[in-house]
């Protein structure tokens, strides 16, 4: 008889497990256990067994940051040998950031780690959380896709390729530059993924608290206002530019700031504001100056992945030039070189 698969369910405090309060939905310790006991499908023949762990404190995902990413990654590393897969219940607002971060800190991962949640809490009649939870546990138990993923609304996405697309739709996430890893209809249909290179044993690399910023370019932006931000304390910058990496040329006031930040040791990574497509620095004159100022291309990385990757590389202690090279190198299937 085949051994029953065992899944670790980690609850972080997102919408899926929240309860009503006078101030709106809030996470409540111990509340999710009762909700799960009321879902009969979780306990039928064919479903894997699971253990529930709750982070303390439970958090709305808007409050998730480096410390919480390290807590989740640390718990997975601690329990890695005991389970066939992991499902993380997480709020939607920062789920793509957490998924991207885990994809880097969990090196040589060879088990499914699936983040999911809901737009409507399980305590409500129309909750989308029930299907997201059940299907995520099934996918984790099947073990076909062994990487950090995000499952939502019938689609399994590579975690570091996902981004939130809707604040109120039930199809809340997409991976604009990569097809889904799997799609759940009557059956769960797996697609051929862009492979992730693995070498060596599984290891966990927690992030350090590194000063990183995101700057979004917009028409008429007054770059001089950011002089006070671009100090020697800032280690990494994700610059969200127009199109394929273009910036406003009027006055070229951004370039001295970029050059100063670069000279102070910051790594500037250029991503596009367009969800789909890739950065191609130098394709237009409007982006050539960025290269000369020391910026590197994020290609088709999401902002979430670029931020997580900067945290990861700085936390490993690499120098600036090595980080620049690695930001343009595919480490976990997060980018496609143009």
C-alpha atoms as a PDB file:
ATOM      1  CA  UNK A   1       0.000   0.000   0.000  1.00  0.00           C
ATOM      2  CA  UNK A   2       1.333   3.411  -0.999  1.00  0.00           C
ATOM      3  CA  UNK A   3       2.314   5.624   1.926  1.00  0.00           C
ATOM      4  CA  UNK A   4      -0.021   8.585   2.436  1.00  0.00           C
ATOM      5  CA  UNK A   5       1.604  11.920   1.633  1.00  0.00           C
ATOM      6  CA  UNK A   6       2.016  14.420   4.428  1.00  0.00           C
ATOM      7  CA  UNK A   7       1.766  18.179   3.914  1.00  0.00           C
ATOM      8  CA  UNK A   8       2.828  21.030   6.174  1.00  0.00           C
ATOM      9  CA  UNK A   9       0.252  23.831   6.213  1.00  0.00           C
ATOM     10  CA  UNK A  10       1.668  27.162   7.439  1.00  0.00           C
ATOM     11  CA  UNK A  11      -0.837  29.890   8.279  1.00  0.00           C
ATOM     12  CA  UNK A  12       0.592  33.425   8.249  1.00  0.00           C
ATOM     13  CA  UNK A  13      -2.601  35.402   8.855  1.00  0.00           C
ATOM     14  CA  UNK A  14      -4.043  36.354   5.471  1.00  0.00           C
ATOM     15  CA  UNK A  15      -7.656  36.923   4.449  1.00  0.00           C
ATOM     16  CA  UNK A  16      -8.360  33.220   3.985  1.00  0.00           C
ATOM     17  CA  UNK A  17      -8.276  32.528   7.752  1.00  0.00           C
ATOM     18  CA  UNK A  18      -9.588  35.836   9.076  1.00  0.00           C
ATOM     19  CA  UNK A  19     -12.689  36.381  11.192  1.00  0.00           C
ATOM     20  CA  UNK A  20     -15.140  39.263  11.388  1.00  0.00           C
ATOM     21  CA  UNK A  21     -14.652  42.061  13.903  1.00  0.00           C
ATOM     22  CA  UNK A  22     -16.041  45.526  14.542  1.00  0.00           C
ATOM     23  CA  UNK A  23     -13.072  46.943  12.629  1.00  0.00           C
ATOM     24  CA  UNK A  24     -13.351  44.555   9.667  1.00  0.00           C
ATOM     25  CA  UNK A  25     -11.644  41.231   9.006  1.00  0.00           C
ATOM     26  CA  UNK A  26      -8.749  40.384  11.332  1.00  0.00           C
ATOM     27  CA  UNK A  27      -6.491  37.344  11.873  1.00  0.00           C
ATOM     28  CA  UNK A  28      -7.301  35.411  15.046  1.00  0.00           C
ATOM     29  CA  UNK A  29      -5.026  32.736  16.583  1.00  0.00           C
ATOM     30  CA  UNK A  30      -6.601  29.271  16.558  1.00  0.00           C
ATOM     31  CA  UNK A  31      -9.607  30.334  14.480  1.00  0.00           C
ATOM     32  CA  UNK A  32      -8.488  28.650  11.244  1.00  0.00           C
ATOM     33  CA  UNK A  33      -8.367  25.201  12.871  1.00  0.00           C
ATOM     34  CA  UNK A  34     -12.135  25.222  13.331  1.00  0.00           C
ATOM     35  CA  UNK A  35     -12.696  26.362   9.741  1.00  0.00           C
ATOM     36  CA  UNK A  36     -10.571  23.519   8.403  1.00  0.00           C
ATOM     37  CA  UNK A  37     -12.422  20.972  10.526  1.00  0.00           C
ATOM     38  CA  UNK A  38     -15.606  22.089   8.785  1.00  0.00           C
ATOM     39  CA  UNK A  39     -14.298  21.315   5.263  1.00  0.00           C
ATOM     40  CA  UNK A  40     -15.123  17.635   4.820  1.00  0.00           C
ATOM     41  CA  UNK A  41     -13.212  17.340   1.516  1.00  0.00           C
ATOM     42  CA  UNK A  42      -9.923  17.829   3.338  1.00  0.00           C
ATOM     43  CA  UNK A  43     -10.379  14.494   5.106  1.00  0.00           C
ATOM     44  CA  UNK A  44     -11.721  12.191   2.367  1.00  0.00           C
ATOM     45  CA  UNK A  45      -9.823   9.198   0.995  1.00  0.00           C
ATOM     46  CA  UNK A  46      -7.233  10.325  -1.522  1.00  0.00           C
ATOM     47  CA  UNK A  47      -6.396  13.547   0.263  1.00  0.00           C
ATOM     48  CA  UNK A  48      -3.010  13.736   1.992  1.00  0.00           C
ATOM     49  CA  UNK A  49      -2.739  14.254   5.715  1.00  0.00           C
ATOM     50  CA  UNK A  50      -1.601  17.653   6.913  1.00  0.00           C
ATOM     51  CA  UNK A  51      -0.383  19.419  10.016  1.00  0.00           C
ATOM     52  CA  UNK A  52      -1.244  23.045  10.692  1.00  0.00           C
ATOM     53  CA  UNK A  53       1.320  25.530  11.998  1.00  0.00           C
ATOM     54  CA  UNK A  54       0.491  29.143  12.776  1.00  0.00           C
ATOM     55  CA  UNK A  55       3.018  31.945  12.768  1.00  0.00           C
ATOM     56  CA  UNK A  56       2.993  34.174  15.815  1.00  0.00           C
ATOM     57  CA  UNK A  57       1.840  36.807  15.511  1.00  0.00           C
ATOM     58  CA  UNK A  58      -0.575  36.258  12.646  1.00  0.00           C
ATOM     59  CA  UNK A  59      -0.365  39.235  10.291  1.00  0.00           C
ATOM     60  CA  UNK A  60      -2.288  41.015   7.611  1.00  0.00           C
ATOM     61  CA  UNK A  61       0.008  40.566   4.613  1.00  0.00           C
ATOM     62  CA  UNK A  62       0.549  44.311   4.262  1.00  0.00           C
ATOM     63  CA  UNK A  63       2.714  43.956   7.388  1.00  0.00           C
ATOM     64  CA  UNK A  64       4.878  41.151   5.984  1.00  0.00           C
ATOM     65  CA  UNK A  65       8.556  42.023   5.537  1.00  0.00           C
ATOM     66  CA  UNK A  66      12.056  40.539   5.790  1.00  0.00           C
ATOM     67  CA  UNK A  67      11.601  39.215   9.325  1.00  0.00           C
ATOM     68  CA  UNK A  68       8.423  37.341   8.366  1.00  0.00           C
ATOM     69  CA  UNK A  69       9.968  35.960   5.166  1.00  0.00           C
ATOM     70  CA  UNK A  70      12.814  34.604   7.294  1.00  0.00           C
ATOM     71  CA  UNK A  71      10.333  33.078   9.764  1.00  0.00           C
ATOM     72  CA  UNK A  72       8.474  31.258   6.980  1.00  0.00           C
ATOM     73  CA  UNK A  73      11.652  30.107   5.265  1.00  0.00           C
ATOM     74  CA  UNK A  74      13.141  29.032   8.584  1.00  0.00           C
ATOM     75  CA  UNK A  75      10.078  26.964   9.435  1.00  0.00           C
ATOM     76  CA  UNK A  76      10.239  25.215   6.043  1.00  0.00           C
ATOM     77  CA  UNK A  77      13.950  24.499   6.537  1.00  0.00           C
ATOM     78  CA  UNK A  78      13.333  23.193  10.051  1.00  0.00           C
ATOM     79  CA  UNK A  79      10.593  20.804   8.895  1.00  0.00           C
ATOM     80  CA  UNK A  80      11.932  20.069   5.417  1.00  0.00           C
ATOM     81  CA  UNK A  81      12.684  16.377   5.973  1.00  0.00           C
ATOM     82  CA  UNK A  82       9.368  15.674   7.706  1.00  0.00           C
ATOM     83  CA  UNK A  83       6.940  16.593   4.916  1.00  0.00           C
ATOM     84  CA  UNK A  84       6.375  15.872   1.245  1.00  0.00           C
ATOM     85  CA  UNK A  85       5.345  19.438   0.512  1.00  0.00           C
ATOM     86  CA  UNK A  86       4.394  22.776   2.028  1.00  0.00           C
ATOM     87  CA  UNK A  87       1.360  25.039   1.598  1.00  0.00           C
ATOM     88  CA  UNK A  88       1.562  28.583   2.937  1.00  0.00           C
ATOM     89  CA  UNK A  89      -1.658  30.469   3.608  1.00  0.00           C
ATOM     90  CA  UNK A  90      -0.887  34.115   2.972  1.00  0.00           C
ATOM     91  CA  UNK A  91      -2.636  37.411   2.306  1.00  0.00           C
ATOM     92  CA  UNK A  92      -2.812  38.483  -1.311  1.00  0.00           C
ATOM     93  CA  UNK A  93      -1.346  41.992  -1.037  1.00  0.00           C
ATOM     94  CA  UNK A  94       2.265  40.866  -0.618  1.00  0.00           C
ATOM     95  CA  UNK A  95       1.990  37.209  -1.590  1.00  0.00           C
ATOM     96  CA  UNK A  96       4.095  37.689  -4.739  1.00  0.00           C
ATOM     97  CA  UNK A  97       6.863  39.356  -2.682  1.00  0.00           C
ATOM     98  CA  UNK A  98       6.917  36.449  -0.224  1.00  0.00           C
ATOM     99  CA  UNK A  99       6.850  33.885  -3.039  1.00  0.00           C
ATOM    100  CA  UNK A 100       9.766  35.611  -4.769  1.00  0.00           C
ATOM    101  CA  UNK A 101      11.733  35.857  -1.537  1.00  0.00           C
ATOM    102  CA  UNK A 102      11.247  32.187  -0.659  1.00  0.00           C
ATOM    103  CA  UNK A 103      12.329  31.165  -4.157  1.00  0.00           C
ATOM    104  CA  UNK A 104      15.744  32.708  -3.504  1.00  0.00           C
ATOM    105  CA  UNK A 105      16.284  31.867   0.163  1.00  0.00           C
ATOM    106  CA  UNK A 106      15.342  28.175  -0.325  1.00  0.00           C
ATOM    107  CA  UNK A 107      18.270  27.015  -2.441  1.00  0.00           C
ATOM    108  CA  UNK A 108      18.179  23.650  -4.267  1.00  0.00           C
ATOM    109  CA  UNK A 109      14.575  23.196  -3.197  1.00  0.00           C
ATOM    110  CA  UNK A 110      13.268  19.815  -4.342  1.00  0.00           C
ATOM    111  CA  UNK A 111       9.784  19.810  -2.813  1.00  0.00           C
ATOM    112  CA  UNK A 112       6.642  21.819  -3.593  1.00  0.00           C
ATOM    113  CA  UNK A 113       6.197  25.057  -1.648  1.00  0.00           C
ATOM    114  CA  UNK A 114       2.869  26.597  -2.626  1.00  0.00           C
ATOM    115  CA  UNK A 115       1.515  29.942  -1.486  1.00  0.00           C
ATOM    116  CA  UNK A 116      -2.214  30.473  -1.655  1.00  0.00           C
ATOM    117  CA  UNK A 117      -4.976  32.445  -0.014  1.00  0.00           C
ATOM    118  CA  UNK A 118      -8.280  34.018  -0.936  1.00  0.00           C
ATOM    119  CA  UNK A 119     -10.043  37.253  -1.706  1.00  0.00           C
ATOM    120  CA  UNK A 120     -13.002  36.217   0.481  1.00  0.00           C
ATOM    121  CA  UNK A 121     -12.420  34.641   3.933  1.00  0.00           C
ATOM    122  CA  UNK A 122     -13.287  30.987   4.516  1.00  0.00           C
ATOM    123  CA  UNK A 123     -15.856  32.102   7.075  1.00  0.00           C
ATOM    124  CA  UNK A 124     -17.990  33.596   4.268  1.00  0.00           C
ATOM    125  CA  UNK A 125     -20.346  31.599   2.039  1.00  0.00           C
ATOM    126  CA  UNK A 126     -18.785  32.567  -1.295  1.00  0.00           C
ATOM    127  CA  UNK A 127     -15.176  32.150  -0.233  1.00  0.00           C
ATOM    128  CA  UNK A 128     -12.749  31.285  -2.999  1.00  0.00           C
ATOM    129  CA  UNK A 129     -10.411  29.991  -0.300  1.00  0.00           C
ATOM    130  CA  UNK A 130     -11.910  26.508  -0.177  1.00  0.00           C
ATOM    131  CA  UNK A 131     -10.880  25.544  -3.720  1.00  0.00           C
ATOM    132  CA  UNK A 132      -7.544  27.364  -3.495  1.00  0.00           C
ATOM    133  CA  UNK A 133      -6.696  25.465  -0.314  1.00  0.00           C
ATOM    134  CA  UNK A 134      -7.844  22.006  -1.419  1.00  0.00           C
ATOM    135  CA  UNK A 135      -6.172  22.220  -4.816  1.00  0.00           C
ATOM    136  CA  UNK A 136      -2.927  23.593  -3.367  1.00  0.00           C
ATOM    137  CA  UNK A 137      -2.720  20.671  -0.939  1.00  0.00           C
ATOM    138  CA  UNK A 138      -3.367  18.196  -3.769  1.00  0.00           C
ATOM    139  CA  UNK A 139      -0.691  19.776  -5.987  1.00  0.00           C
ATOM    140  CA  UNK A 140       1.773  19.796  -3.092  1.00  0.00           C
ATOM    141  CA  UNK A 141       1.121  16.095  -2.490  1.00  0.00           C
ATOM    142  CA  UNK A 142       1.508  15.158  -6.165  1.00  0.00           C
ATOM    143  CA  UNK A 143       4.993  16.675  -6.202  1.00  0.00           C
ATOM    144  CA  UNK A 144       5.110  17.192  -9.960  1.00  0.00           C
ATOM    145  CA  UNK A 145       6.290  20.785  -9.606  1.00  0.00           C
ATOM    146  CA  UNK A 146       9.024  21.062  -6.960  1.00  0.00           C
ATOM    147  CA  UNK A 147       9.690  24.752  -6.521  1.00  0.00           C
ATOM    148  CA  UNK A 148       8.128  27.809  -4.900  1.00  0.00           C
ATOM    149  CA  UNK A 149       4.756  28.400  -6.556  1.00  0.00           C
ATOM    150  CA  UNK A 150       1.671  30.526  -6.155  1.00  0.00           C
ATOM    151  CA  UNK A 151      -1.718  28.931  -6.698  1.00  0.00           C
ATOM    152  CA  UNK A 152      -4.778  31.087  -7.171  1.00  0.00           C
ATOM    153  CA  UNK A 153      -7.974  30.949  -9.195  1.00  0.00           C
ATOM    154  CA  UNK A 154      -7.187  27.721 -11.013  1.00  0.00           C
ATOM    155  CA  UNK A 155      -3.620  28.581 -12.037  1.00  0.00           C
ATOM    156  CA  UNK A 156      -0.309  27.441 -10.577  1.00  0.00           C
ATOM    157  CA  UNK A 157       2.343  30.101 -11.203  1.00  0.00           C
ATOM    158  CA  UNK A 158       6.071  30.173 -10.641  1.00  0.00           C
ATOM    159  CA  UNK A 159       6.394  32.172  -7.439  1.00  0.00           C
ATOM    160  CA  UNK A 160       9.012  34.632  -8.664  1.00  0.00           C
ATOM    161  CA  UNK A 161       7.101  35.265 -11.897  1.00  0.00           C
ATOM    162  CA  UNK A 162       3.789  36.110 -10.239  1.00  0.00           C
ATOM    163  CA  UNK A 163       2.291  39.517  -9.625  1.00  0.00           C
ATOM    164  CA  UNK A 164      -1.043  40.638  -8.204  1.00  0.00           C
ATOM    165  CA  UNK A 165      -3.289  41.967 -10.970  1.00  0.00           C
ATOM    166  CA  UNK A 166      -6.629  42.570  -9.229  1.00  0.00           C
ATOM    167  CA  UNK A 167      -7.645  43.951  -5.850  1.00  0.00           C
ATOM    168  CA  UNK A 168     -11.124  42.439  -5.924  1.00  0.00           C
ATOM    169  CA  UNK A 169     -11.272  39.805  -8.686  1.00  0.00           C
ATOM    170  CA  UNK A 170     -11.080  36.110  -7.866  1.00  0.00           C
ATOM    171  CA  UNK A 171      -8.468  35.670 -10.624  1.00  0.00           C
ATOM    172  CA  UNK A 172      -6.116  37.922  -8.718  1.00  0.00           C
ATOM    173  CA  UNK A 173      -2.675  36.828  -9.965  1.00  0.00           C
ATOM    174  CA  UNK A 174      -0.886  36.376 -13.266  1.00  0.00           C
ATOM    175  CA  UNK A 175       2.617  35.661 -14.533  1.00  0.00           C
ATOM    176  CA  UNK A 176       2.708  37.887 -17.638  1.00  0.00           C
ATOM    177  CA  UNK A 177       6.055  36.653 -18.961  1.00  0.00           C
ATOM    178  CA  UNK A 178       5.692  32.929 -18.331  1.00  0.00           C
ATOM    179  CA  UNK A 179       2.871  30.478 -18.881  1.00  0.00           C
ATOM    180  CA  UNK A 180       1.303  28.826 -15.807  1.00  0.00           C
ATOM    181  CA  UNK A 181       3.019  25.745 -14.416  1.00  0.00           C
ATOM    182  CA  UNK A 182      -0.369  24.058 -14.160  1.00  0.00           C
ATOM    183  CA  UNK A 183      -4.057  24.794 -14.712  1.00  0.00           C
ATOM    184  CA  UNK A 184      -6.813  23.234 -12.652  1.00  0.00           C
ATOM    185  CA  UNK A 185     -10.059  22.425 -14.412  1.00  0.00           C
ATOM    186  CA  UNK A 186     -11.792  19.076 -14.252  1.00  0.00           C
ATOM    187  CA  UNK A 187      -8.253  17.708 -14.056  1.00  0.00           C
ATOM    188  CA  UNK A 188      -4.993  19.350 -13.023  1.00  0.00           C
ATOM    189  CA  UNK A 189      -3.015  19.804 -16.234  1.00  0.00           C
ATOM    190  CA  UNK A 190       0.722  20.412 -15.844  1.00  0.00           C
ATOM    191  CA  UNK A 191       2.661  22.391 -18.428  1.00  0.00           C
ATOM    192  CA  UNK A 192       6.326  22.074 -19.302  1.00  0.00           C
ATOM    193  CA  UNK A 193       8.083  24.701 -17.152  1.00  0.00           C
ATOM    194  CA  UNK A 194      11.245  26.618 -17.878  1.00  0.00           C
ATOM    195  CA  UNK A 195      13.588  24.471 -15.751  1.00  0.00           C
ATOM    196  CA  UNK A 196      15.316  25.691 -12.594  1.00  0.00           C
ATOM    197  CA  UNK A 197      18.925  24.652 -12.144  1.00  0.00           C
ATOM    198  CA  UNK A 198      19.712  22.700  -8.965  1.00  0.00           C
ATOM    199  CA  UNK A 199      23.137  21.722  -7.684  1.00  0.00           C
ATOM    200  CA  UNK A 200      23.819  20.306  -4.265  1.00  0.00           C
ATOM    201  CA  UNK A 201      21.704  19.847  -1.169  1.00  0.00           C
ATOM    202  CA  UNK A 202      18.813  21.949   0.020  1.00  0.00           C
ATOM    203  CA  UNK A 203      19.869  24.958   2.080  1.00  0.00           C
ATOM    204  CA  UNK A 204      18.246  28.002   3.646  1.00  0.00           C
ATOM    205  CA  UNK A 205      19.670  31.518   3.317  1.00  0.00           C
ATOM    206  CA  UNK A 206      17.849  34.077   5.466  1.00  0.00           C
ATOM    207  CA  UNK A 207      17.796  37.687   4.335  1.00  0.00           C
ATOM    208  CA  UNK A 208      19.524  40.571   6.059  1.00  0.00           C
ATOM    209  CA  UNK A 209      17.806  43.912   6.610  1.00  0.00           C
ATOM    210  CA  UNK A 210      19.299  45.724   3.614  1.00  0.00           C
ATOM    211  CA  UNK A 211      18.174  49.253   2.621  1.00  0.00           C
ATOM    212  CA  UNK A 212      16.473  48.778  -0.757  1.00  0.00           C
ATOM    213  CA  UNK A 213      14.240  51.211  -2.606  1.00  0.00           C
ATOM    214  CA  UNK A 214      11.826  51.182  -5.549  1.00  0.00           C
ATOM    215  CA  UNK A 215      11.513  54.292  -7.708  1.00  0.00           C
ATOM    216  CA  UNK A 216       8.766  54.540 -10.330  1.00  0.00           C
ATOM    217  CA  UNK A 217       9.340  56.957 -13.178  1.00  0.00           C
ATOM    218  CA  UNK A 218       6.355  59.038 -14.300  1.00  0.00           C
ATOM    219  CA  UNK A 219       5.894  61.946 -16.733  1.00  0.00           C
ATOM    220  CA  UNK A 220       7.077  65.184 -15.192  1.00  0.00           C
ATOM    221  CA  UNK A 221       8.869  63.504 -12.281  1.00  0.00           C
ATOM    222  CA  UNK A 222      11.168  65.852 -10.357  1.00  0.00           C
ATOM    223  CA  UNK A 223      14.167  63.656  -9.712  1.00  0.00           C
ATOM    224  CA  UNK A 224      15.847  66.229  -7.493  1.00  0.00           C
ATOM    225  CA  UNK A 225      13.302  65.341  -4.805  1.00  0.00           C
ATOM    226  CA  UNK A 226      15.003  61.944  -4.505  1.00  0.00           C
ATOM    227  CA  UNK A 227      18.455  63.337  -3.713  1.00  0.00           C
ATOM    228  CA  UNK A 228      17.825  62.841  -0.013  1.00  0.00           C
ATOM    229  CA  UNK A 229      16.845  59.194  -0.597  1.00  0.00           C
ATOM    230  CA  UNK A 230      19.778  58.227  -2.806  1.00  0.00           C
ATOM    231  CA  UNK A 231      22.370  58.283  -0.036  1.00  0.00           C
ATOM    232  CA  UNK A 232      25.304  55.989   0.650  1.00  0.00           C
ATOM    233  CA  UNK A 233      23.034  53.987   2.967  1.00  0.00           C
ATOM    234  CA  UNK A 234      20.878  52.779   0.061  1.00  0.00           C
ATOM    235  CA  UNK A 235      22.284  49.470  -1.211  1.00  0.00           C
ATOM    236  CA  UNK A 236      19.850  48.527  -3.962  1.00  0.00           C
ATOM    237  CA  UNK A 237      17.381  50.374  -6.190  1.00  0.00           C
ATOM    238  CA  UNK A 238      14.737  48.941  -8.498  1.00  0.00           C
ATOM    239  CA  UNK A 239      13.986  51.588 -11.111  1.00  0.00           C
ATOM    240  CA  UNK A 240      10.603  51.101 -12.799  1.00  0.00           C
ATOM    241  CA  UNK A 241      11.010  52.754 -16.195  1.00  0.00           C
ATOM    242  CA  UNK A 242       8.825  53.250 -19.245  1.00  0.00           C
ATOM    243  CA  UNK A 243       8.653  50.507 -21.887  1.00  0.00           C
ATOM    244  CA  UNK A 244      11.917  48.733 -22.577  1.00  0.00           C
ATOM    245  CA  UNK A 245      13.904  50.778 -20.056  1.00  0.00           C
ATOM    246  CA  UNK A 246      13.369  54.390 -21.077  1.00  0.00           C
ATOM    247  CA  UNK A 247      13.538  57.439 -18.826  1.00  0.00           C
ATOM    248  CA  UNK A 248      12.612  61.089 -19.364  1.00  0.00           C
ATOM    249  CA  UNK A 249      15.510  62.904 -21.039  1.00  0.00           C
ATOM    250  CA  UNK A 250      14.480  66.444 -20.158  1.00  0.00           C
ATOM    251  CA  UNK A 251      17.363  67.928 -18.192  1.00  0.00           C
ATOM    252  CA  UNK A 252      18.816  64.444 -17.527  1.00  0.00           C
ATOM    253  CA  UNK A 253      18.370  65.164 -13.819  1.00  0.00           C
ATOM    254  CA  UNK A 254      18.036  61.454 -12.983  1.00  0.00           C
ATOM    255  CA  UNK A 255      21.464  60.475 -14.272  1.00  0.00           C
ATOM    256  CA  UNK A 256      23.579  62.391 -11.719  1.00  0.00           C
ATOM    257  CA  UNK A 257      21.495  60.802  -8.953  1.00  0.00           C
ATOM    258  CA  UNK A 258      21.966  57.308 -10.427  1.00  0.00           C
ATOM    259  CA  UNK A 259      25.696  57.901 -10.864  1.00  0.00           C
ATOM    260  CA  UNK A 260      26.038  59.149  -7.287  1.00  0.00           C
ATOM    261  CA  UNK A 261      24.121  56.160  -5.911  1.00  0.00           C
ATOM    262  CA  UNK A 262      26.220  53.795  -7.996  1.00  0.00           C
ATOM    263  CA  UNK A 263      29.450  55.433  -6.835  1.00  0.00           C
ATOM    264  CA  UNK A 264      28.254  55.036  -3.233  1.00  0.00           C
ATOM    265  CA  UNK A 265      27.880  51.282  -3.760  1.00  0.00           C
ATOM    266  CA  UNK A 266      24.227  50.894  -4.749  1.00  0.00           C
ATOM    267  CA  UNK A 267      23.109  48.424  -7.401  1.00  0.00           C
ATOM    268  CA  UNK A 268      20.465  49.939  -9.701  1.00  0.00           C
ATOM    269  CA  UNK A 269      18.287  47.399 -11.502  1.00  0.00           C
ATOM    270  CA  UNK A 270      16.013  48.564 -14.303  1.00  0.00           C
ATOM    271  CA  UNK A 271      12.581  46.924 -14.593  1.00  0.00           C
ATOM    272  CA  UNK A 272       9.690  47.880 -16.838  1.00  0.00           C
ATOM    273  CA  UNK A 273       6.381  49.316 -15.718  1.00  0.00           C
ATOM    274  CA  UNK A 274       4.783  47.157 -18.420  1.00  0.00           C
ATOM    275  CA  UNK A 275       3.658  43.827 -16.927  1.00  0.00           C
ATOM    276  CA  UNK A 276       4.541  42.013 -20.146  1.00  0.00           C
ATOM    277  CA  UNK A 277       7.760  42.278 -22.114  1.00  0.00           C
ATOM    278  CA  UNK A 278      11.388  42.858 -21.282  1.00  0.00           C
ATOM    279  CA  UNK A 279      13.865  45.640 -20.586  1.00  0.00           C
ATOM    280  CA  UNK A 280      16.357  46.170 -23.395  1.00  0.00           C
ATOM    281  CA  UNK A 281      18.827  48.787 -22.230  1.00  0.00           C
ATOM    282  CA  UNK A 282      20.431  50.617 -25.126  1.00  0.00           C
ATOM    283  CA  UNK A 283      17.689  49.795 -27.616  1.00  0.00           C
ATOM    284  CA  UNK A 284      16.677  53.462 -27.415  1.00  0.00           C
ATOM    285  CA  UNK A 285      18.843  56.491 -26.723  1.00  0.00           C
ATOM    286  CA  UNK A 286      16.593  57.214 -23.740  1.00  0.00           C
ATOM    287  CA  UNK A 287      17.965  54.124 -21.980  1.00  0.00           C
ATOM    288  CA  UNK A 288      21.599  54.162 -23.110  1.00  0.00           C
ATOM    289  CA  UNK A 289      22.566  56.690 -20.455  1.00  0.00           C
ATOM    290  CA  UNK A 290      21.359  54.310 -17.744  1.00  0.00           C
ATOM    291  CA  UNK A 291      23.940  51.769 -18.839  1.00  0.00           C
ATOM    292  CA  UNK A 292      26.674  54.397 -18.771  1.00  0.00           C
ATOM    293  CA  UNK A 293      25.505  55.432 -15.300  1.00  0.00           C
ATOM    294  CA  UNK A 294      26.068  51.875 -14.021  1.00  0.00           C
ATOM    295  CA  UNK A 295      22.542  50.429 -14.067  1.00  0.00           C
ATOM    296  CA  UNK A 296      21.837  46.799 -14.954  1.00  0.00           C
ATOM    297  CA  UNK A 297      18.899  45.247 -16.756  1.00  0.00           C
ATOM    298  CA  UNK A 298      16.183  43.340 -14.939  1.00  0.00           C
ATOM    299  CA  UNK A 299      15.018  41.948 -18.295  1.00  0.00           C
ATOM    300  CA  UNK A 300      11.505  40.535 -17.740  1.00  0.00           C
ATOM    301  CA  UNK A 301      11.708  40.225 -13.941  1.00  0.00           C
ATOM    302  CA  UNK A 302       8.804  41.470 -11.895  1.00  0.00           C
ATOM    303  CA  UNK A 303       9.537  44.238  -9.414  1.00  0.00           C
ATOM    304  CA  UNK A 304       8.731  41.743  -6.644  1.00  0.00           C
ATOM    305  CA  UNK A 305      11.394  39.339  -7.925  1.00  0.00           C
ATOM    306  CA  UNK A 306      13.978  42.102  -8.414  1.00  0.00           C
ATOM    307  CA  UNK A 307      13.502  43.346  -4.839  1.00  0.00           C
ATOM    308  CA  UNK A 308      13.773  39.814  -3.413  1.00  0.00           C
ATOM    309  CA  UNK A 309      16.835  39.038  -5.513  1.00  0.00           C
ATOM    310  CA  UNK A 310      18.638  42.163  -4.296  1.00  0.00           C
ATOM    311  CA  UNK A 311      17.916  41.183  -0.692  1.00  0.00           C
ATOM    312  CA  UNK A 312      19.230  37.689  -1.385  1.00  0.00           C
ATOM    313  CA  UNK A 313      22.469  38.716  -3.094  1.00  0.00           C
ATOM    314  CA  UNK A 314      23.345  41.429  -0.586  1.00  0.00           C
ATOM    315  CA  UNK A 315      22.595  39.009   2.252  1.00  0.00           C
ATOM    316  CA  UNK A 316      25.154  36.573   0.831  1.00  0.00           C
ATOM    317  CA  UNK A 317      27.818  39.254   1.163  1.00  0.00           C
ATOM    318  CA  UNK A 318      28.721  39.606  -2.520  1.00  0.00           C
ATOM    319  CA  UNK A 319      30.441  42.773  -3.704  1.00  0.00           C
ATOM    320  CA  UNK A 320      28.733  45.268  -5.991  1.00  0.00           C
ATOM    321  CA  UNK A 321      30.216  44.014  -9.259  1.00  0.00           C
ATOM    322  CA  UNK A 322      29.307  40.418  -8.515  1.00  0.00           C
ATOM    323  CA  UNK A 323      25.754  41.432  -7.601  1.00  0.00           C
ATOM    324  CA  UNK A 324      25.456  43.372 -10.865  1.00  0.00           C
ATOM    325  CA  UNK A 325      26.446  40.272 -12.824  1.00  0.00           C
ATOM    326  CA  UNK A 326      24.104  38.009 -10.890  1.00  0.00           C
ATOM    327  CA  UNK A 327      21.143  40.394 -11.207  1.00  0.00           C
ATOM    328  CA  UNK A 328      21.369  39.800 -14.956  1.00  0.00           C
ATOM    329  CA  UNK A 329      21.761  36.022 -14.490  1.00  0.00           C
ATOM    330  CA  UNK A 330      18.860  33.591 -14.155  1.00  0.00           C
ATOM    331  CA  UNK A 331      19.174  31.973 -10.713  1.00  0.00           C
ATOM    332  CA  UNK A 332      15.706  30.536  -9.993  1.00  0.00           C
ATOM    333  CA  UNK A 333      13.821  30.815 -13.279  1.00  0.00           C
ATOM    334  CA  UNK A 334      12.989  34.447 -12.486  1.00  0.00           C
ATOM    335  CA  UNK A 335      14.103  35.973 -15.784  1.00  0.00           C
ATOM    336  CA  UNK A 336      14.568  35.296 -19.465  1.00  0.00           C
ATOM    337  CA  UNK A 337      17.509  36.991 -21.139  1.00  0.00           C
ATOM    338  CA  UNK A 338      16.549  38.980 -24.214  1.00  0.00           C
END
